[in-house]
C-alpha atoms as a PDB file:
ATOM      1  CA  MET A   1       0.000   0.000   0.000  1.00  0.00           C
ATOM      2  CA  THR A   2       0.046   3.182   0.886  1.00  0.00           C
ATOM      3  CA  ASP A   3      -1.110   6.671   0.138  1.00  0.00           C
ATOM      4  CA  PRO A   4       1.898   8.564  -1.243  1.00  0.00           C
ATOM      5  CA  GLY A   5       0.674  11.864   0.207  1.00  0.00           C
ATOM      6  CA  ILE A   6      -0.242  13.734  -2.952  1.00  0.00           C
ATOM      7  CA  GLY A   7      -1.559  16.866  -1.267  1.00  0.00           C
ATOM      8  CA  GLU A   8      -4.141  19.267  -2.624  1.00  0.00           C
ATOM      9  CA  PRO A   9      -6.555  19.036  -4.233  1.00  0.00           C
ATOM     10  CA  PRO A  10      -7.904  16.270  -1.989  1.00  0.00           C
ATOM     11  CA  LEU A  11      -8.415  12.830  -3.443  1.00  0.00           C
ATOM     12  CA  ARG A  12     -11.958  12.155  -4.556  1.00  0.00           C
ATOM     13  CA  SER A  13     -13.706   9.608  -2.404  1.00  0.00           C
ATOM     14  CA  CYS A  14     -15.241   6.577  -4.140  1.00  0.00           C
ATOM     15  CA  HIS A  15     -18.343   5.628  -2.223  1.00  0.00           C
ATOM     16  CA  THR A  16     -18.924   2.166  -3.676  1.00  0.00           C
ATOM     17  CA  LEU A  17     -16.671  -0.634  -4.808  1.00  0.00           C
ATOM     18  CA  SER A  18     -18.728  -0.817  -8.004  1.00  0.00           C
ATOM     19  CA  ASP A  19     -17.996   2.830  -8.793  1.00  0.00           C
ATOM     20  CA  THR A  20     -14.315   2.271  -8.169  1.00  0.00           C
ATOM     21  CA  ILE A  21     -13.930  -0.758 -10.399  1.00  0.00           C
ATOM     22  CA  HIS A  22     -16.434  -0.160 -13.178  1.00  0.00           C
ATOM     23  CA  THR A  23     -16.397   3.571 -13.785  1.00  0.00           C
ATOM     24  CA  PRO A  24     -13.046   5.370 -13.607  1.00  0.00           C
ATOM     25  CA  CYS A  25     -10.789   2.311 -13.647  1.00  0.00           C
ATOM     26  CA  SER A  26     -12.414   0.893 -16.769  1.00  0.00           C
ATOM     27  CA  ALA A  27     -11.065   3.896 -18.654  1.00  0.00           C
ATOM     28  CA  LEU A  28      -7.585   3.204 -17.293  1.00  0.00           C
ATOM     29  CA  VAL A  29      -7.727  -0.463 -18.280  1.00  0.00           C
ATOM     30  CA  ARG A  30      -8.858   0.466 -21.801  1.00  0.00           C
ATOM     31  CA  ARG A  31      -5.994   2.927 -22.027  1.00  0.00           C
ATOM     32  CA  LEU A  32      -3.477   0.330 -20.882  1.00  0.00           C
ATOM     33  CA  SER A  33      -4.819  -2.278 -23.297  1.00  0.00           C
ATOM     34  CA  GLU A  34      -3.858   0.003 -26.178  1.00  0.00           C
ATOM     35  CA  CYS A  35      -0.337   0.551 -24.861  1.00  0.00           C
ATOM     36  CA  SER A  36       2.452   0.016 -27.392  1.00  0.00           C
ATOM     37  CA  ALA A  37       5.243   1.760 -25.474  1.00  0.00           C
ATOM     38  CA  PRO A  38       8.287  -0.386 -24.637  1.00  0.00           C
ATOM     39  CA  LEU A  39       8.719  -1.745 -21.133  1.00  0.00           C
ATOM     40  CA  ALA A  40      11.926  -1.218 -19.191  1.00  0.00           C
ATOM     41  CA  GLY A  41      14.811  -2.817 -21.046  1.00  0.00           C
ATOM     42  CA  GLY A  42      13.108  -2.435 -24.410  1.00  0.00           C
ATOM     43  CA  ALA A  43      10.723  -5.377 -23.983  1.00  0.00           C
ATOM     44  CA  PHE A  44       7.089  -5.287 -25.125  1.00  0.00           C
ATOM     45  CA  PRO A  45       4.125  -7.133 -23.636  1.00  0.00           C
ATOM     46  CA  GLU A  46       3.598 -10.435 -25.394  1.00  0.00           C
ATOM     47  CA  GLU A  47       1.116 -10.478 -28.271  1.00  0.00           C
ATOM     48  CA  GLY A  48      -2.359 -10.379 -26.786  1.00  0.00           C
ATOM     49  CA  GLY A  49      -0.928  -9.958 -23.284  1.00  0.00           C
ATOM     50  CA  THR A  50      -1.472  -7.239 -20.733  1.00  0.00           C
ATOM     51  CA  LEU A  51       0.645  -5.197 -18.361  1.00  0.00           C
ATOM     52  CA  LEU A  52      -1.765  -5.877 -15.496  1.00  0.00           C
ATOM     53  CA  THR A  53      -2.573  -9.441 -14.511  1.00  0.00           C
ATOM     54  CA  ARG A  54      -5.375  -9.056 -11.970  1.00  0.00           C
ATOM     55  CA  ILE A  55      -6.927  -6.848  -9.308  1.00  0.00           C
ATOM     56  CA  ASP A  56      -4.516  -7.446  -6.427  1.00  0.00           C
ATOM     57  CA  HIS A  57      -6.483  -5.612  -3.765  1.00  0.00           C
ATOM     58  CA  VAL A  58      -8.837  -2.781  -2.934  1.00  0.00           C
ATOM     59  CA  GLY A  59      -7.671  -0.569  -0.078  1.00  0.00           C
ATOM     60  CA  ILE A  60     -10.280   0.526   2.472  1.00  0.00           C
ATOM     61  CA  ALA A  61      -9.512   3.223   5.045  1.00  0.00           C
ATOM     62  CA  CYS A  62     -11.085   2.659   8.467  1.00  0.00           C
ATOM     63  CA  PHE A  63     -10.937   4.068  11.985  1.00  0.00           C
ATOM     64  CA  ASP A  64     -10.968   0.665  13.728  1.00  0.00           C
ATOM     65  CA  LEU A  65      -9.255  -2.149  11.839  1.00  0.00           C
ATOM     66  CA  ASP A  66     -10.291  -4.889  14.265  1.00  0.00           C
ATOM     67  CA  ALA A  67     -13.974  -3.925  14.136  1.00  0.00           C
ATOM     68  CA  THR A  68     -13.899  -3.626  10.351  1.00  0.00           C
ATOM     69  CA  ALA A  69     -12.145  -6.982   9.963  1.00  0.00           C
ATOM     70  CA  ASP A  70     -14.733  -8.556  12.272  1.00  0.00           C
ATOM     71  CA  PHE A  71     -17.531  -7.126  10.101  1.00  0.00           C
ATOM     72  CA  TYR A  72     -16.084  -8.693   6.951  1.00  0.00           C
ATOM     73  CA  ARG A  73     -15.573 -11.996   8.788  1.00  0.00           C
ATOM     74  CA  ARG A  74     -19.120 -12.160  10.187  1.00  0.00           C
ATOM     75  CA  VAL A  75     -20.988 -10.799   7.180  1.00  0.00           C
ATOM     76  CA  HIS A  76     -18.856 -11.917   4.231  1.00  0.00           C
ATOM     77  CA  GLY A  77     -16.857 -14.818   5.641  1.00  0.00           C
ATOM     78  CA  LEU A  78     -13.476 -13.203   4.915  1.00  0.00           C
ATOM     79  CA  GLU A  79     -10.518 -14.012   7.152  1.00  0.00           C
ATOM     80  CA  VAL A  80      -7.360 -11.990   7.748  1.00  0.00           C
ATOM     81  CA  ALA A  81      -4.523 -13.611   5.796  1.00  0.00           C
ATOM     82  CA  HIS A  82      -1.800 -11.139   6.782  1.00  0.00           C
ATOM     83  CA  GLU A  83      -1.272  -8.191   9.132  1.00  0.00           C
ATOM     84  CA  GLU A  84       1.549  -5.678   9.461  1.00  0.00           C
ATOM     85  CA  VAL A  85       2.352  -2.139  10.581  1.00  0.00           C
ATOM     86  CA  ASN A  86       4.024   0.224   8.125  1.00  0.00           C
ATOM     87  CA  GLU A  87       5.836   2.609  10.444  1.00  0.00           C
ATOM     88  CA  GLU A  88       7.016   4.848   7.614  1.00  0.00           C
ATOM     89  CA  GLN A  89       3.454   5.462   6.411  1.00  0.00           C
ATOM     90  CA  GLY A  90       1.973   5.431   9.913  1.00  0.00           C
ATOM     91  CA  VAL A  91      -0.596   2.763   9.136  1.00  0.00           C
ATOM     92  CA  ARG A  92      -1.673  -0.634  10.393  1.00  0.00           C
ATOM     93  CA  GLU A  93      -2.944  -2.877   7.634  1.00  0.00           C
ATOM     94  CA  ALA A  94      -4.656  -6.226   7.242  1.00  0.00           C
ATOM     95  CA  MET A  95      -5.086  -8.274   4.075  1.00  0.00           C
ATOM     96  CA  LEU A  96      -8.372 -10.220   3.832  1.00  0.00           C
ATOM     97  CA  ARG A  97      -8.380 -12.851   1.126  1.00  0.00           C
ATOM     98  CA  VAL A  98     -11.427 -12.530  -1.154  1.00  0.00           C
ATOM     99  CA  ASN A  99     -10.606 -15.309  -3.580  1.00  0.00           C
ATOM    100  CA  GLY A 100      -7.713 -17.264  -4.999  1.00  0.00           C
ATOM    101  CA  THR A 101      -7.211 -19.760  -7.783  1.00  0.00           C
ATOM    102  CA  ASP A 102      -5.335 -23.041  -7.613  1.00  0.00           C
ATOM    103  CA  ASP A 103      -2.115 -21.299  -8.707  1.00  0.00           C
ATOM    104  CA  GLY A 104      -2.310 -18.897  -5.775  1.00  0.00           C
ATOM    105  CA  GLN A 105      -3.404 -15.751  -7.612  1.00  0.00           C
ATOM    106  CA  ALA A 106      -5.435 -14.167  -4.833  1.00  0.00           C
ATOM    107  CA  THR A 107      -7.358 -10.916  -4.530  1.00  0.00           C
ATOM    108  CA  TYR A 108      -7.626  -9.105  -1.209  1.00  0.00           C
ATOM    109  CA  LEU A 109      -9.340  -6.352   0.686  1.00  0.00           C
ATOM    110  CA  GLN A 110      -6.667  -4.276   2.397  1.00  0.00           C
ATOM    111  CA  LEU A 111      -7.884  -2.572   5.572  1.00  0.00           C
ATOM    112  CA  LEU A 112      -5.941   0.535   6.575  1.00  0.00           C
ATOM    113  CA  GLU A 113      -6.018   2.057  10.069  1.00  0.00           C
ATOM    114  CA  PRO A 114      -3.790   5.043  10.890  1.00  0.00           C
ATOM    115  CA  VAL A 115      -1.470   4.712  13.873  1.00  0.00           C
ATOM    116  CA  ARG A 116      -0.668   8.426  14.032  1.00  0.00           C
ATOM    117  CA  GLU A 117      -2.637  11.573  13.282  1.00  0.00           C
ATOM    118  CA  ASP A 118      -0.259  12.958  10.648  1.00  0.00           C
ATOM    119  CA  SER A 119      -0.292   9.841   8.455  1.00  0.00           C
ATOM    120  CA  PRO A 120      -1.697  10.005   4.902  1.00  0.00           C
ATOM    121  CA  VAL A 121      -4.512   7.595   5.791  1.00  0.00           C
ATOM    122  CA  ALA A 122      -5.458   9.684   8.851  1.00  0.00           C
ATOM    123  CA  LYS A 123      -5.666  12.761   6.625  1.00  0.00           C
ATOM    124  CA  PHE A 124      -7.796  10.819   4.112  1.00  0.00           C
ATOM    125  CA  LEU A 125     -10.189   9.772   6.883  1.00  0.00           C
ATOM    126  CA  ALA A 126     -10.420  13.347   8.152  1.00  0.00           C
ATOM    127  CA  ARG A 127     -11.393  14.573   4.668  1.00  0.00           C
ATOM    128  CA  HIS A 128     -13.588  11.733   3.459  1.00  0.00           C
ATOM    129  CA  GLY A 129     -14.420   9.384   6.309  1.00  0.00           C
ATOM    130  CA  GLU A 130     -14.224   5.619   5.975  1.00  0.00           C
ATOM    131  CA  GLY A 131     -14.385   4.054   2.540  1.00  0.00           C
ATOM    132  CA  VAL A 132     -12.491   2.989  -0.563  1.00  0.00           C
ATOM    133  CA  HIS A 133      -9.010   4.513  -0.575  1.00  0.00           C
ATOM    134  CA  HIS A 134      -7.295   2.984  -3.627  1.00  0.00           C
ATOM    135  CA  ILE A 135      -7.288   0.094  -6.069  1.00  0.00           C
ATOM    136  CA  ALA A 136      -4.220  -2.044  -6.774  1.00  0.00           C
ATOM    137  CA  PHE A 137      -3.418  -4.071  -9.880  1.00  0.00           C
ATOM    138  CA  GLY A 138      -0.998  -6.993  -9.912  1.00  0.00           C
ATOM    139  CA  THR A 139       1.811  -7.106 -12.451  1.00  0.00           C
ATOM    140  CA  GLY A 140       4.812  -9.325 -13.107  1.00  0.00           C
ATOM    141  CA  ASP A 141       7.074  -6.295 -13.629  1.00  0.00           C
ATOM    142  CA  VAL A 142       6.170  -3.217 -11.612  1.00  0.00           C
ATOM    143  CA  ALA A 143       9.037  -1.093 -12.970  1.00  0.00           C
ATOM    144  CA  GLY A 144       8.271  -2.059 -16.557  1.00  0.00           C
ATOM    145  CA  ALA A 145       4.540  -1.524 -16.164  1.00  0.00           C
ATOM    146  CA  ALA A 146       5.101   1.876 -14.544  1.00  0.00           C
ATOM    147  CA  ALA A 147       7.437   2.920 -17.373  1.00  0.00           C
ATOM    148  CA  ALA A 148       4.991   1.851 -20.069  1.00  0.00           C
ATOM    149  CA  ILE A 149       2.069   3.566 -18.351  1.00  0.00           C
ATOM    150  CA  GLY A 150       4.126   6.698 -17.809  1.00  0.00           C
ATOM    151  CA  ALA A 151       4.885   6.799 -21.534  1.00  0.00           C
ATOM    152  CA  HIS A 152       1.171   7.465 -22.063  1.00  0.00           C
ATOM    153  CA  GLY A 153       1.255  10.626 -19.978  1.00  0.00           C
ATOM    154  CA  VAL A 154       0.147   9.073 -16.688  1.00  0.00           C
ATOM    155  CA  ARG A 155       2.168  10.499 -13.804  1.00  0.00           C
ATOM    156  CA  VAL A 156       3.994   7.804 -11.834  1.00  0.00           C
ATOM    157  CA  LEU A 157       4.400   8.922  -8.230  1.00  0.00           C
ATOM    158  CA  ASP A 158       7.157   6.430  -7.404  1.00  0.00           C
ATOM    159  CA  GLU A 159       9.988   6.740  -9.926  1.00  0.00           C
ATOM    160  CA  THR A 160      11.647   3.790  -8.208  1.00  0.00           C
ATOM    161  CA  PRO A 161       9.373   1.007  -6.903  1.00  0.00           C
ATOM    162  CA  ARG A 162       9.256   0.898  -3.111  1.00  0.00           C
ATOM    163  CA  PRO A 163       8.406  -1.750  -0.503  1.00  0.00           C
ATOM    164  CA  GLY A 164       4.727  -2.603  -0.066  1.00  0.00           C
ATOM    165  CA  SER A 165       2.604  -5.069   1.887  1.00  0.00           C
ATOM    166  CA  MET A 166       3.745  -8.673   2.258  1.00  0.00           C
ATOM    167  CA  GLY A 167       7.205  -7.923   0.871  1.00  0.00           C
ATOM    168  CA  SER A 168       5.896  -6.671  -2.464  1.00  0.00           C
ATOM    169  CA  SER A 169       7.276  -3.908  -4.689  1.00  0.00           C
ATOM    170  CA  ILE A 170       4.829  -1.124  -5.521  1.00  0.00           C
ATOM    171  CA  ALA A 171       4.374   2.105  -7.444  1.00  0.00           C
ATOM    172  CA  PHE A 172       1.464   4.540  -7.368  1.00  0.00           C
ATOM    173  CA  LEU A 173      -0.143   6.411 -10.249  1.00  0.00           C
ATOM    174  CA  HIS A 174      -1.551   9.912  -9.863  1.00  0.00           C
ATOM    175  CA  PRO A 175      -5.339   9.820  -9.329  1.00  0.00           C
ATOM    176  CA  LYS A 176      -5.874  12.829 -11.595  1.00  0.00           C
ATOM    177  CA  ASP A 177      -4.577  10.745 -14.504  1.00  0.00           C
ATOM    178  CA  CYS A 178      -6.624   7.666 -13.540  1.00  0.00           C
ATOM    179  CA  GLY A 179     -10.195   8.939 -13.457  1.00  0.00           C
ATOM    180  CA  GLY A 180      -9.875  10.244  -9.894  1.00  0.00           C
ATOM    181  CA  VAL A 181      -8.778   6.889  -8.462  1.00  0.00           C
ATOM    182  CA  LEU A 182      -5.518   6.474  -6.553  1.00  0.00           C
ATOM    183  CA  THR A 183      -4.044   3.466  -8.353  1.00  0.00           C
ATOM    184  CA  GLU A 184      -1.293   1.133  -7.186  1.00  0.00           C
ATOM    185  CA  LEU A 185       0.827  -1.337  -9.164  1.00  0.00           C
ATOM    186  CA  VAL A 186       1.941  -4.399  -7.183  1.00  0.00           C
ATOM    187  CA  GLN A 187       4.609  -7.005  -7.878  1.00  0.00           C
ATOM    188  CA  ALA A 188       4.671  -9.821  -5.326  1.00  0.00           C
ATOM    189  CA  ALA A 189       7.857 -10.505  -3.374  1.00  0.00           C
ATOM    190  CA  GLY A 190      10.533 -12.126  -5.518  1.00  0.00           C
ATOM    191  CA  GLY A 191       7.970 -12.915  -8.179  1.00  0.00           C
ATOM    192  CA  GLU A 192       6.194 -15.088  -5.607  1.00  0.00           C
ATOM    193  CA  ARG A 193       2.417 -15.234  -5.915  1.00  0.00           C
ATOM    194  CA  ARG A 194       0.457 -13.367  -3.278  1.00  0.00           C
ATOM    195  CA  GLY A 195      -1.610 -16.383  -2.322  1.00  0.00           C
ATOM    196  CA  ASP A 196       1.502 -18.476  -1.715  1.00  0.00           C
ATOM    197  CA  ALA A 197       3.116 -15.710   0.326  1.00  0.00           C
ATOM    198  CA  ALA A 198       0.036 -15.374   2.533  1.00  0.00           C
ATOM    199  CA  ALA A 199      -0.223 -19.130   3.013  1.00  0.00           C
ATOM    200  CA  SER A 200       3.349 -19.253   4.301  1.00  0.00           C
ATOM    201  CA  GLU A 201       2.649 -16.721   7.072  1.00  0.00           C
END
């Protein structure tokens, strides 16, 4: 995860998961599907392939992570697969597995609770309240995907991928260039699949 601290104007809040996935992000996916820019190192996506392999997770900002996790467990049957505290970003996070195929390609809800008042997630909650914070797409090459996306005029907020949840490498895209949605690119640790990483916890 986490919010890179973009500053003003404030990020637009997405009030429903449906709005987040089907409205602004559909435009981004269409844009990426037409990408012909070279990836890092001069490589292109394979014929008929895509830069983004799946929805890795949807980040949800909350005031009380334990209560929110309990809600998703009781109502939706989702269990926490991984928990950690990101001291740099001032956030406690939990990954709740939504689904996963036999090869371990899982999708998660990522719950985000601030652990200090000056953290980006705390500022988001103060502006917007609880709700969808960002959407994250999985990729096999976060640096290459970020370079190819950036070649289409989308601002990449992390010029060099940085550490993310569960040992992943991540880069964020500017929400103004992605239909108002803070968008994250995620490459699992060492090329390891997310589902396998969570299972080994």
